[in-house]
Amino acid sequence: MSSDNLFKKNKLKRTLATKQLAPSEHKIQLAYSIESFELWYILHFEFLNVALDRNQYINKLKRYLGKYEKNDPKVYDKIHQAGGSEKQASFNYC
């Protein structure tokens, strides 16, 4: 695990511990996100209902986008340029 990911994991643990100990009058609200946000990106290109690990998600994105880097601020533009939105809209989810 990279030091950046370890820091994020430890920060989340501290945040959760704070939430569990905080009095309700502080009205703390937390938002959670899945580890593999990449799944949401992939769903712009294909329907996927199988379990994959993070590396498999990233490999799929590289096939669609050519290059993928986590936290790329232009990833949505790249997905749109690759036709992701149009492909996703054409799926039959039934």
Protein backbone atom coordinates (compact mmCIF):
# COMPACT_ATOMS: atom_id res chain seq x y z
CA MET A 1 0.00 0.00 0.00
CA SER A 2 1.40 3.39 -0.93
CA SER A 3 2.04 5.93 1.80
CA ASP A 4 -0.68 8.15 0.27
CA ASN A 5 -3.27 5.36 0.49
CA LEU A 6 -2.14 4.46 4.00
CA PHE A 7 -2.56 8.09 5.05
CA LYS A 8 -6.09 8.19 3.58
CA LYS A 9 -7.00 4.92 5.30
CA ASN A 10 -5.71 6.14 8.66
CA LYS A 11 -7.48 9.48 8.24
CA LEU A 12 -10.76 7.67 7.54
CA LYS A 13 -10.30 5.51 10.64
CA ARG A 14 -9.70 8.62 12.76
CA THR A 15 -12.76 10.31 11.24
CA LEU A 16 -14.95 7.29 11.95
CA ALA A 17 -13.64 7.08 15.51
CA THR A 18 -14.48 10.76 15.98
CA LYS A 19 -17.99 10.18 14.66
CA GLN A 20 -18.54 7.30 17.06
CA LEU A 21 -17.39 9.36 20.06
CA ALA A 22 -18.89 12.72 19.11
CA PRO A 23 -22.00 13.89 20.93
CA SER A 24 -25.06 14.08 18.68
CA GLU A 25 -25.39 17.85 19.13
CA HIS A 26 -22.38 18.33 16.83
CA LYS A 27 -24.47 16.93 13.96
CA ILE A 28 -21.47 15.42 12.21
CA GLN A 29 -22.35 13.81 8.89
CA LEU A 30 -20.06 11.55 6.93
CA ALA A 31 -20.04 10.60 3.27
CA TYR A 32 -18.56 7.30 2.19
CA SER A 33 -17.16 6.33 -1.18
CA ILE A 34 -16.19 2.94 -2.51
CA GLU A 35 -12.50 2.23 -2.87
CA SER A 36 -12.84 1.61 -6.59
CA PHE A 37 -14.46 4.73 -7.92
CA GLU A 38 -13.15 3.53 -11.27
CA LEU A 39 -16.19 1.24 -11.49
CA TRP A 40 -18.38 4.29 -12.04
CA TYR A 41 -16.12 5.35 -14.91
CA ILE A 42 -16.29 1.90 -16.51
CA LEU A 43 -20.07 1.96 -16.34
CA HIS A 44 -19.95 4.82 -18.84
CA PHE A 45 -18.67 2.27 -21.37
CA GLU A 46 -20.11 -1.12 -20.46
CA PHE A 47 -22.54 -2.86 -18.19
CA LEU A 48 -20.56 -4.69 -15.54
CA ASN A 49 -22.00 -6.93 -12.84
CA VAL A 50 -19.02 -9.03 -11.80
CA ALA A 51 -16.50 -8.56 -9.03
CA LEU A 52 -13.17 -7.16 -10.19
CA ASP A 53 -10.22 -5.89 -8.25
CA ARG A 54 -8.87 -2.37 -8.62
CA ASN A 55 -6.13 -3.41 -11.07
CA GLN A 56 -8.71 -4.97 -13.38
CA TYR A 57 -10.78 -1.78 -13.26
CA ILE A 58 -7.72 0.28 -14.17
CA ASN A 59 -6.79 -2.07 -17.03
CA LYS A 60 -10.29 -1.75 -18.47
CA LEU A 61 -10.10 2.05 -18.27
CA LYS A 62 -6.74 2.04 -20.02
CA ARG A 63 -8.32 0.07 -22.88
CA TYR A 64 -11.05 2.67 -23.24
CA LEU A 65 -9.05 5.82 -22.56
CA GLY A 66 -5.55 4.84 -23.69
CA LYS A 67 -4.09 6.28 -20.50
CA TYR A 68 -5.64 6.44 -17.06
CA GLU A 69 -4.27 8.02 -13.91
CA LYS A 70 -6.17 8.11 -10.65
CA ASN A 71 -7.29 11.61 -9.62
CA ASP A 72 -6.89 12.98 -13.15
CA PRO A 73 -8.94 16.20 -13.14
CA LYS A 74 -9.69 15.76 -16.85
CA VAL A 75 -10.96 12.18 -16.65
CA TYR A 76 -14.58 13.12 -17.33
CA ASP A 77 -13.54 14.98 -20.48
CA LYS A 78 -11.55 11.93 -21.57
CA ILE A 79 -14.53 9.64 -20.96
CA HIS A 80 -16.78 11.96 -22.96
CA GLN A 81 -14.25 12.20 -25.82
CA ALA A 82 -13.99 8.40 -25.91
CA GLY A 83 -17.77 8.20 -26.36
CA GLY A 84 -18.46 6.89 -22.88
CA SER A 85 -21.63 8.82 -22.21
CA GLU A 86 -23.22 7.81 -25.51
CA LYS A 87 -22.28 4.14 -25.08
CA GLN A 88 -23.57 4.03 -21.51
CA ALA A 89 -26.92 5.50 -22.53
CA SER A 90 -27.47 2.75 -25.10
CA PHE A 91 -27.30 -0.20 -22.67
CA ASN A 92 -30.33 -2.34 -22.08
CA TYR A 93 -30.27 -3.05 -18.32
CA CYS A 94 -33.24 -5.41 -18.31
